[in-house]
Amino acid sequence: MEKTLNRILEELSVLKNDIGSVRTELKDEIGSVRTELKDEIGSVRSEMISMETGLKTEIGSVRTELKEDIRSIRTELKEDISSVRTELKEDISSVHTELQEGHERLEKKLMSIPENYENLEVFIDRQQRTMEKLSERSIRHEADIQFLKSTRS
């Protein structure tokens, strides 16, 4: 029994040593994992900082591009608006000139209406007198013809 107890004690001692070495290994492994995790966390943080810096730079360049594009578009729009204004002014001036000329022609025609009316009255009066003269002649000729016919028979 003593032998058995000694063996058990030896086994316990070996087991204790084994447990101690396992503990030591676990502590070393845990320390190693902690170190790796710290390094990995540091690396991830560095990458995040780098990405943040890159994103800020990219956002800044996009903003700059947008500002330049907007400035360019505004400049083009101002030029287009100026061009349209100039064309409209020219068109309005042209229409105004044409309206003025048309107005002047209408005024001339309106002014000539009384003169034309008077000329027409004079013409109609002449025609009337001519017709009256021709009617008188025709009546006289008819009377002469009747007279000649009556003297012949």
N, C-alpha and C. Protein backbone atom coordinates (compact mmCIF):
# COMPACT_ATOMS: atom_id res chain seq x y z
N MET A 1 0.81 -1.15 0.00
CA MET A 1 0.00 0.00 0.00
C MET A 1 0.87 1.25 0.00
N GLU A 2 1.92 1.10 0.65
CA GLU A 2 2.83 2.22 0.67
C GLU A 2 3.38 2.44 -0.74
N LYS A 3 3.61 1.37 -1.40
CA LYS A 3 4.09 1.47 -2.75
C LYS A 3 3.04 2.14 -3.61
N THR A 4 1.87 1.76 -3.39
CA THR A 4 0.77 2.31 -4.14
C THR A 4 0.65 3.79 -3.83
N LEU A 5 0.78 4.10 -2.58
CA LEU A 5 0.68 5.51 -2.19
C LEU A 5 1.84 6.30 -2.78
N ASN A 6 2.98 5.70 -2.77
CA ASN A 6 4.14 6.39 -3.34
C ASN A 6 3.94 6.61 -4.85
N ARG A 7 3.42 5.58 -5.46
CA ARG A 7 3.17 5.70 -6.88
C ARG A 7 2.13 6.78 -7.15
N ILE A 8 1.11 6.78 -6.37
CA ILE A 8 0.06 7.79 -6.51
C ILE A 8 0.67 9.16 -6.27
N LEU A 9 1.53 9.26 -5.27
CA LEU A 9 2.17 10.54 -4.97
C LEU A 9 3.07 10.96 -6.13
N GLU A 10 3.76 9.98 -6.69
CA GLU A 10 4.62 10.29 -7.83
C GLU A 10 3.77 10.75 -9.02
N GLU A 11 2.70 10.02 -9.22
CA GLU A 11 1.82 10.39 -10.32
C GLU A 11 1.21 11.76 -10.09
N LEU A 12 0.89 12.02 -8.83
CA LEU A 12 0.35 13.34 -8.50
C LEU A 12 1.41 14.41 -8.75
N SER A 13 2.62 14.08 -8.41
CA SER A 13 3.70 15.03 -8.61
C SER A 13 3.90 15.26 -10.12
N VAL A 14 3.87 14.19 -10.88
CA VAL A 14 4.01 14.31 -12.33
C VAL A 14 2.83 15.10 -12.89
N LEU A 15 1.66 14.77 -12.38
CA LEU A 15 0.46 15.47 -12.81
C LEU A 15 0.55 16.95 -12.47
N LYS A 16 1.07 17.23 -11.28
CA LYS A 16 1.24 18.63 -10.87
C LYS A 16 2.21 19.34 -11.80
N ASN A 17 3.28 18.67 -12.11
CA ASN A 17 4.27 19.24 -13.01
C ASN A 17 3.66 19.46 -14.40
N ASP A 18 2.91 18.44 -14.83
CA ASP A 18 2.25 18.57 -16.14
C ASP A 18 1.28 19.75 -16.15
N ILE A 19 0.50 19.84 -15.06
CA ILE A 19 -0.46 20.95 -14.95
C ILE A 19 0.29 22.27 -14.94
N GLY A 20 1.40 22.33 -14.23
CA GLY A 20 2.21 23.56 -14.18
C GLY A 20 2.74 23.91 -15.55
N SER A 21 3.24 22.90 -16.27
CA SER A 21 3.77 23.19 -17.61
C SER A 21 2.65 23.60 -18.56
N VAL A 22 1.46 22.97 -18.43
CA VAL A 22 0.32 23.36 -19.26
C VAL A 22 -0.08 24.79 -18.95
N ARG A 23 -0.06 25.12 -17.64
CA ARG A 23 -0.38 26.51 -17.26
C ARG A 23 0.62 27.47 -17.87
N THR A 24 1.86 27.12 -17.80
CA THR A 24 2.91 27.98 -18.35
C THR A 24 2.71 28.13 -19.86
N GLU A 25 2.45 27.00 -20.52
CA GLU A 25 2.20 27.06 -21.96
C GLU A 25 0.99 27.93 -22.28
N LEU A 26 -0.08 27.76 -21.49
CA LEU A 26 -1.29 28.55 -21.71
C LEU A 26 -1.01 30.03 -21.50
N LYS A 27 -0.23 30.34 -20.43
CA LYS A 27 0.11 31.74 -20.18
C LYS A 27 0.91 32.30 -21.34
N ASP A 28 1.87 31.49 -21.83
CA ASP A 28 2.68 31.94 -22.96
C ASP A 28 1.81 32.14 -24.21
N GLU A 29 0.91 31.17 -24.44
CA GLU A 29 0.01 31.26 -25.60
C GLU A 29 -0.90 32.48 -25.49
N ILE A 30 -1.47 32.67 -24.29
CA ILE A 30 -2.36 33.81 -24.07
C ILE A 30 -1.59 35.11 -24.29
N GLY A 31 -0.37 35.18 -23.76
CA GLY A 31 0.47 36.36 -23.97
C GLY A 31 0.76 36.57 -25.44
N SER A 32 1.07 35.47 -26.13
CA SER A 32 1.34 35.55 -27.56
C SER A 32 0.10 36.03 -28.33
N VAL A 33 -1.07 35.46 -27.98
CA VAL A 33 -2.32 35.86 -28.63
C VAL A 33 -2.61 37.32 -28.34
N ARG A 34 -2.38 37.74 -27.10
CA ARG A 34 -2.59 39.15 -26.75
C ARG A 34 -1.69 40.05 -27.59
N THR A 35 -0.44 39.67 -27.69
CA THR A 35 0.51 40.46 -28.47
C THR A 35 0.07 40.52 -29.94
N GLU A 36 -0.32 39.36 -30.48
CA GLU A 36 -0.79 39.33 -31.87
C GLU A 36 -2.03 40.20 -32.04
N LEU A 37 -2.96 40.10 -31.08
CA LEU A 37 -4.18 40.91 -31.15
C LEU A 37 -3.86 42.40 -31.07
N LYS A 38 -2.93 42.76 -30.16
CA LYS A 38 -2.54 44.16 -30.05
C LYS A 38 -1.93 44.64 -31.36
N ASP A 39 -1.04 43.80 -31.93
CA ASP A 39 -0.41 44.16 -33.20
C ASP A 39 -1.47 44.29 -34.31
N GLU A 40 -2.40 43.32 -34.33
CA GLU A 40 -3.46 43.33 -35.35
C GLU A 40 -4.35 44.56 -35.17
N ILE A 41 -4.71 44.86 -33.92
CA ILE A 41 -5.54 46.04 -33.65
C ILE A 41 -4.80 47.30 -34.08
N GLY A 42 -3.51 47.37 -33.77
CA GLY A 42 -2.70 48.52 -34.19
C GLY A 42 -2.67 48.64 -35.70
N SER A 43 -2.50 47.49 -36.38
CA SER A 43 -2.48 47.49 -37.84
C SER A 43 -3.82 47.95 -38.41
N VAL A 44 -4.92 47.43 -37.84
CA VAL A 44 -6.26 47.82 -38.30
C VAL A 44 -6.48 49.31 -38.07
N ARG A 45 -6.03 49.79 -36.90
CA ARG A 45 -6.18 51.22 -36.62
C ARG A 45 -5.39 52.05 -37.63
N SER A 46 -4.18 51.61 -37.93
CA SER A 46 -3.35 52.32 -38.91
C SER A 46 -4.03 52.33 -40.28
N GLU A 47 -4.59 51.17 -40.66
CA GLU A 47 -5.29 51.09 -41.94
C GLU A 47 -6.51 52.01 -41.94
N MET A 48 -7.23 52.03 -40.83
CA MET A 48 -8.42 52.90 -40.74
C MET A 48 -8.02 54.36 -40.84
N ILE A 49 -6.94 54.73 -40.16
CA ILE A 49 -6.46 56.11 -40.23
C ILE A 49 -6.04 56.43 -41.66
N SER A 50 -5.33 55.48 -42.28
CA SER A 50 -4.91 55.67 -43.67
C SER A 50 -6.12 55.79 -44.59
N MET A 51 -7.13 54.94 -44.39
CA MET A 51 -8.35 54.99 -45.20
C MET A 51 -9.08 56.31 -44.98
N GLU A 52 -9.15 56.74 -43.71
CA GLU A 52 -9.82 58.00 -43.39
C GLU A 52 -9.11 59.15 -44.10
N THR A 53 -7.78 59.14 -44.03
CA THR A 53 -7.01 60.18 -44.69
C THR A 53 -7.24 60.13 -46.21
N GLY A 54 -7.23 58.92 -46.75
CA GLY A 54 -7.48 58.76 -48.19
C GLY A 54 -8.87 59.25 -48.57
N LEU A 55 -9.87 58.90 -47.75
CA LEU A 55 -11.24 59.34 -48.02
C LEU A 55 -11.35 60.86 -47.95
N LYS A 56 -10.71 61.44 -46.93
CA LYS A 56 -10.74 62.90 -46.82
C LYS A 56 -10.10 63.54 -48.04
N THR A 57 -8.98 62.98 -48.47
CA THR A 57 -8.31 63.50 -49.67
C THR A 57 -9.21 63.35 -50.89
N GLU A 58 -9.83 62.18 -51.03
CA GLU A 58 -10.72 61.93 -52.17
C GLU A 58 -11.91 62.88 -52.13
N ILE A 59 -12.50 63.05 -50.95
CA ILE A 59 -13.64 63.96 -50.80
C ILE A 59 -13.22 65.38 -51.16
N GLY A 60 -12.03 65.77 -50.71
CA GLY A 60 -11.52 67.10 -51.03
C GLY A 60 -11.35 67.29 -52.53
N SER A 61 -10.80 66.28 -53.20
CA SER A 61 -10.60 66.42 -54.66
C SER A 61 -11.94 66.42 -55.39
N VAL A 62 -12.90 65.61 -54.91
CA VAL A 62 -14.23 65.60 -55.53
C VAL A 62 -14.90 66.96 -55.34
N ARG A 63 -14.77 67.52 -54.15
CA ARG A 63 -15.33 68.86 -53.90
C ARG A 63 -14.71 69.88 -54.84
N THR A 64 -13.39 69.81 -54.97
CA THR A 64 -12.69 70.74 -55.85
C THR A 64 -13.18 70.59 -57.29
N GLU A 65 -13.30 69.33 -57.74
CA GLU A 65 -13.80 69.08 -59.10
C GLU A 65 -15.21 69.62 -59.27
N LEU A 66 -16.06 69.37 -58.28
CA LEU A 66 -17.44 69.85 -58.35
C LEU A 66 -17.48 71.38 -58.41
N LYS A 67 -16.67 72.02 -57.58
CA LYS A 67 -16.63 73.48 -57.60
C LYS A 67 -16.19 73.99 -58.97
N GLU A 68 -15.17 73.35 -59.54
CA GLU A 68 -14.69 73.76 -60.86
C GLU A 68 -15.76 73.52 -61.93
N ASP A 69 -16.42 72.36 -61.84
CA ASP A 69 -17.50 72.06 -62.80
C ASP A 69 -18.63 73.07 -62.68
N ILE A 70 -19.03 73.37 -61.46
CA ILE A 70 -20.11 74.33 -61.23
C ILE A 70 -19.69 75.71 -61.75
N ARG A 71 -18.46 76.10 -61.47
CA ARG A 71 -17.95 77.38 -61.95
C ARG A 71 -17.97 77.42 -63.48
N SER A 72 -17.53 76.32 -64.09
CA SER A 72 -17.52 76.24 -65.56
C SER A 72 -18.93 76.32 -66.12
N ILE A 73 -19.86 75.60 -65.51
CA ILE A 73 -21.25 75.61 -65.96
C ILE A 73 -21.84 77.01 -65.81
N ARG A 74 -21.56 77.65 -64.69
CA ARG A 74 -22.06 79.02 -64.49
C ARG A 74 -21.52 79.95 -65.57
N THR A 75 -20.23 79.81 -65.86
CA THR A 75 -19.62 80.66 -66.88
C THR A 75 -20.29 80.42 -68.23
N GLU A 76 -20.50 79.14 -68.57
CA GLU A 76 -21.16 78.82 -69.84
C GLU A 76 -22.57 79.39 -69.87
N LEU A 77 -23.30 79.23 -68.76
CA LEU A 77 -24.67 79.75 -68.70
C LEU A 77 -24.69 81.27 -68.85
N LYS A 78 -23.75 81.94 -68.19
CA LYS A 78 -23.69 83.40 -68.31
C LYS A 78 -23.43 83.80 -69.76
N GLU A 79 -22.51 83.08 -70.42
CA GLU A 79 -22.22 83.38 -71.82
C GLU A 79 -23.44 83.12 -72.69
N ASP A 80 -24.11 81.98 -72.44
CA ASP A 80 -25.32 81.66 -73.22
C ASP A 80 -26.40 82.71 -73.00
N ILE A 81 -26.60 83.10 -71.76
CA ILE A 81 -27.62 84.10 -71.44
C ILE A 81 -27.27 85.43 -72.11
N SER A 82 -26.00 85.79 -72.05
CA SER A 82 -25.56 87.04 -72.70
C SER A 82 -25.79 86.97 -74.20
N SER A 83 -25.47 85.83 -74.79
CA SER A 83 -25.68 85.65 -76.24
C SER A 83 -27.16 85.74 -76.59
N VAL A 84 -28.00 85.08 -75.79
CA VAL A 84 -29.45 85.12 -76.04
C VAL A 84 -29.97 86.54 -75.89
N ARG A 85 -29.49 87.25 -74.88
CA ARG A 85 -29.92 88.64 -74.69
C ARG A 85 -29.56 89.49 -75.90
N THR A 86 -28.32 89.32 -76.37
CA THR A 86 -27.87 90.08 -77.53
C THR A 86 -28.75 89.76 -78.74
N GLU A 87 -29.00 88.47 -78.96
CA GLU A 87 -29.85 88.08 -80.10
C GLU A 87 -31.25 88.65 -79.95
N LEU A 88 -31.80 88.58 -78.74
CA LEU A 88 -33.14 89.12 -78.52
C LEU A 88 -33.18 90.63 -78.76
N LYS A 89 -32.15 91.33 -78.29
CA LYS A 89 -32.10 92.78 -78.51
C LYS A 89 -32.06 93.08 -80.01
N GLU A 90 -31.23 92.31 -80.74
CA GLU A 90 -31.14 92.51 -82.19
C GLU A 90 -32.48 92.21 -82.85
N ASP A 91 -33.11 91.09 -82.44
CA ASP A 91 -34.41 90.73 -83.02
C ASP A 91 -35.46 91.78 -82.70
N ILE A 92 -35.47 92.26 -81.47
CA ILE A 92 -36.44 93.28 -81.08
C ILE A 92 -36.20 94.56 -81.87
N SER A 93 -34.93 94.91 -82.03
CA SER A 93 -34.59 96.11 -82.81
C SER A 93 -35.04 95.94 -84.26
N SER A 94 -34.79 94.76 -84.82
CA SER A 94 -35.20 94.48 -86.20
C SER A 94 -36.71 94.55 -86.35
N VAL A 95 -37.43 93.93 -85.41
CA VAL A 95 -38.90 93.96 -85.46
C VAL A 95 -39.40 95.39 -85.30
N HIS A 96 -38.76 96.14 -84.40
CA HIS A 96 -39.15 97.53 -84.18
C HIS A 96 -38.96 98.34 -85.47
N THR A 97 -37.82 98.13 -86.13
CA THR A 97 -37.55 98.83 -87.39
C THR A 97 -38.59 98.46 -88.44
N GLU A 98 -38.88 97.16 -88.56
CA GLU A 98 -39.88 96.72 -89.54
C GLU A 98 -41.25 97.29 -89.22
N LEU A 99 -41.61 97.31 -87.94
CA LEU A 99 -42.90 97.89 -87.55
C LEU A 99 -42.95 99.38 -87.88
N GLN A 100 -41.85 100.06 -87.64
CA GLN A 100 -41.78 101.49 -87.95
C GLN A 100 -41.96 101.72 -89.44
N GLU A 101 -41.25 100.91 -90.25
CA GLU A 101 -41.38 101.05 -91.70
C GLU A 101 -42.81 100.75 -92.14
N GLY A 102 -43.40 99.69 -91.60
CA GLY A 102 -44.78 99.34 -91.93
C GLY A 102 -45.74 100.44 -91.53
N HIS A 103 -45.50 101.03 -90.37
CA HIS A 103 -46.33 102.13 -89.89
C HIS A 103 -46.25 103.33 -90.84
N GLU A 104 -45.02 103.62 -91.28
CA GLU A 104 -44.83 104.74 -92.21
C GLU A 104 -45.54 104.46 -93.54
N ARG A 105 -45.45 103.22 -94.05
CA ARG A 105 -46.14 102.88 -95.30
C ARG A 105 -47.65 103.02 -95.13
N LEU A 106 -48.18 102.55 -93.99
CA LEU A 106 -49.61 102.68 -93.73
C LEU A 106 -50.03 104.14 -93.68
N GLU A 107 -49.22 104.97 -93.01
CA GLU A 107 -49.54 106.39 -92.93
C GLU A 107 -49.57 107.02 -94.32
N LYS A 108 -48.59 106.65 -95.17
CA LYS A 108 -48.57 107.18 -96.54
C LYS A 108 -49.82 106.76 -97.30
N LYS A 109 -50.20 105.47 -97.14
CA LYS A 109 -51.40 105.00 -97.83
C LYS A 109 -52.64 105.71 -97.30
N LEU A 110 -52.70 105.87 -95.98
CA LEU A 110 -53.85 106.56 -95.39
C LEU A 110 -53.90 108.01 -95.85
N MET A 111 -52.73 108.63 -95.97
CA MET A 111 -52.69 110.03 -96.42
C MET A 111 -53.10 110.14 -97.88
N SER A 112 -52.82 109.08 -98.66
CA SER A 112 -53.15 109.15 -100.09
C SER A 112 -54.62 108.82 -100.35
N ILE A 113 -55.34 108.28 -99.38
CA ILE A 113 -56.76 107.94 -99.59
C ILE A 113 -57.58 109.16 -99.97
N PRO A 114 -57.50 110.28 -99.24
CA PRO A 114 -58.30 111.43 -99.65
C PRO A 114 -57.95 111.91 -101.06
N GLU A 115 -56.67 111.92 -101.39
CA GLU A 115 -56.24 112.35 -102.71
C GLU A 115 -56.76 111.39 -103.77
N ASN A 116 -56.66 110.08 -103.50
CA ASN A 116 -57.17 109.08 -104.44
C ASN A 116 -58.68 109.20 -104.57
N TYR A 117 -59.34 109.47 -103.46
CA TYR A 117 -60.80 109.63 -103.48
C TYR A 117 -61.18 110.82 -104.36
N GLU A 118 -60.45 111.92 -104.19
CA GLU A 118 -60.71 113.11 -105.01
C GLU A 118 -60.46 112.81 -106.48
N ASN A 119 -59.35 112.12 -106.77
CA ASN A 119 -59.04 111.75 -108.15
C ASN A 119 -60.14 110.86 -108.72
N LEU A 120 -60.63 109.92 -107.89
CA LEU A 120 -61.70 109.03 -108.33
C LEU A 120 -62.98 109.81 -108.61
N GLU A 121 -63.29 110.79 -107.75
CA GLU A 121 -64.48 111.62 -107.97
C GLU A 121 -64.36 112.40 -109.28
N VAL A 122 -63.17 112.96 -109.51
CA VAL A 122 -62.93 113.71 -110.75
C VAL A 122 -63.10 112.78 -111.95
N PHE A 123 -62.51 111.58 -111.85
CA PHE A 123 -62.60 110.62 -112.93
C PHE A 123 -64.06 110.24 -113.20
N ILE A 124 -64.82 109.95 -112.13
CA ILE A 124 -66.23 109.58 -112.28
C ILE A 124 -67.02 110.74 -112.88
N ASP A 125 -66.74 111.96 -112.43
CA ASP A 125 -67.42 113.13 -113.00
C ASP A 125 -67.14 113.24 -114.49
N ARG A 126 -65.89 113.06 -114.90
CA ARG A 126 -65.53 113.12 -116.32
C ARG A 126 -66.27 112.04 -117.11
N GLN A 127 -66.25 110.82 -116.52
CA GLN A 127 -66.94 109.73 -117.20
C GLN A 127 -68.44 110.03 -117.33
N GLN A 128 -69.00 110.59 -116.26
CA GLN A 128 -70.42 110.95 -116.28
C GLN A 128 -70.69 111.98 -117.38
N ARG A 129 -69.84 113.02 -117.45
CA ARG A 129 -70.02 114.05 -118.48
C ARG A 129 -69.85 113.47 -119.87
N THR A 130 -68.84 112.57 -120.00
CA THR A 130 -68.62 111.94 -121.30
C THR A 130 -69.85 111.12 -121.69
N MET A 131 -70.41 110.37 -120.74
CA MET A 131 -71.60 109.57 -121.03
C MET A 131 -72.79 110.47 -121.37
N GLU A 132 -72.89 111.57 -120.65
CA GLU A 132 -73.98 112.50 -120.95
C GLU A 132 -73.83 113.06 -122.36
N LYS A 133 -72.59 113.44 -122.72
CA LYS A 133 -72.34 113.98 -124.07
C LYS A 133 -72.66 112.93 -125.12
N LEU A 134 -72.18 111.68 -124.84
CA LEU A 134 -72.43 110.61 -125.79
C LEU A 134 -73.93 110.32 -125.90
N SER A 135 -74.62 110.38 -124.77
CA SER A 135 -76.07 110.16 -124.79
C SER A 135 -76.74 111.25 -125.61
N GLU A 136 -76.32 112.50 -125.41
CA GLU A 136 -76.90 113.61 -126.18
C GLU A 136 -76.64 113.40 -127.67
N ARG A 137 -75.42 113.04 -128.02
CA ARG A 137 -75.08 112.81 -129.43
C ARG A 137 -75.93 111.67 -129.99
N SER A 138 -76.01 110.60 -129.15
CA SER A 138 -76.77 109.45 -129.61
C SER A 138 -78.22 109.84 -129.86
N ILE A 139 -78.79 110.66 -128.95
CA ILE A 139 -80.18 111.10 -129.13
C ILE A 139 -80.27 111.97 -130.37
N ARG A 140 -79.30 112.88 -130.56
CA ARG A 140 -79.33 113.75 -131.74
C ARG A 140 -79.18 112.93 -133.01
N HIS A 141 -78.25 111.96 -132.98
CA HIS A 141 -78.06 111.13 -134.16
C HIS A 141 -79.32 110.32 -134.45
N GLU A 142 -79.94 109.83 -133.40
CA GLU A 142 -81.18 109.07 -133.56
C GLU A 142 -82.25 109.98 -134.18
N ALA A 143 -82.30 111.21 -133.68
CA ALA A 143 -83.28 112.16 -134.22
C ALA A 143 -82.95 112.47 -135.67
N ASP A 144 -81.65 112.63 -135.98
CA ASP A 144 -81.24 112.90 -137.36
C ASP A 144 -81.59 111.73 -138.25
N ILE A 145 -81.35 110.50 -137.72
CA ILE A 145 -81.66 109.31 -138.50
C ILE A 145 -83.16 109.24 -138.74
N GLN A 146 -83.95 109.52 -137.74
CA GLN A 146 -85.41 109.50 -137.87
C GLN A 146 -85.85 110.57 -138.89
N PHE A 147 -85.20 111.71 -138.79
CA PHE A 147 -85.53 112.80 -139.72
C PHE A 147 -85.20 112.39 -141.15
N LEU A 148 -84.01 111.80 -141.31
CA LEU A 148 -83.60 111.38 -142.64
C LEU A 148 -84.53 110.28 -143.16
N LYS A 149 -84.94 109.40 -142.30
CA LYS A 149 -85.84 108.34 -142.71
C LYS A 149 -87.19 108.94 -143.11
N SER A 150 -87.61 109.91 -142.36
CA SER A 150 -88.91 110.50 -142.67
C SER A 150 -88.83 111.31 -143.96
N THR A 151 -87.73 111.93 -144.27
CA THR A 151 -87.61 112.70 -145.49
C THR A 151 -87.42 111.78 -146.68
N ARG A 152 -87.02 110.72 -146.58
CA ARG A 152 -86.81 109.77 -147.65
C ARG A 152 -88.12 109.10 -148.05
N SER A 153 -88.92 108.94 -147.23
CA SER A 153 -90.13 108.23 -147.57
C SER A 153 -91.14 109.10 -148.14
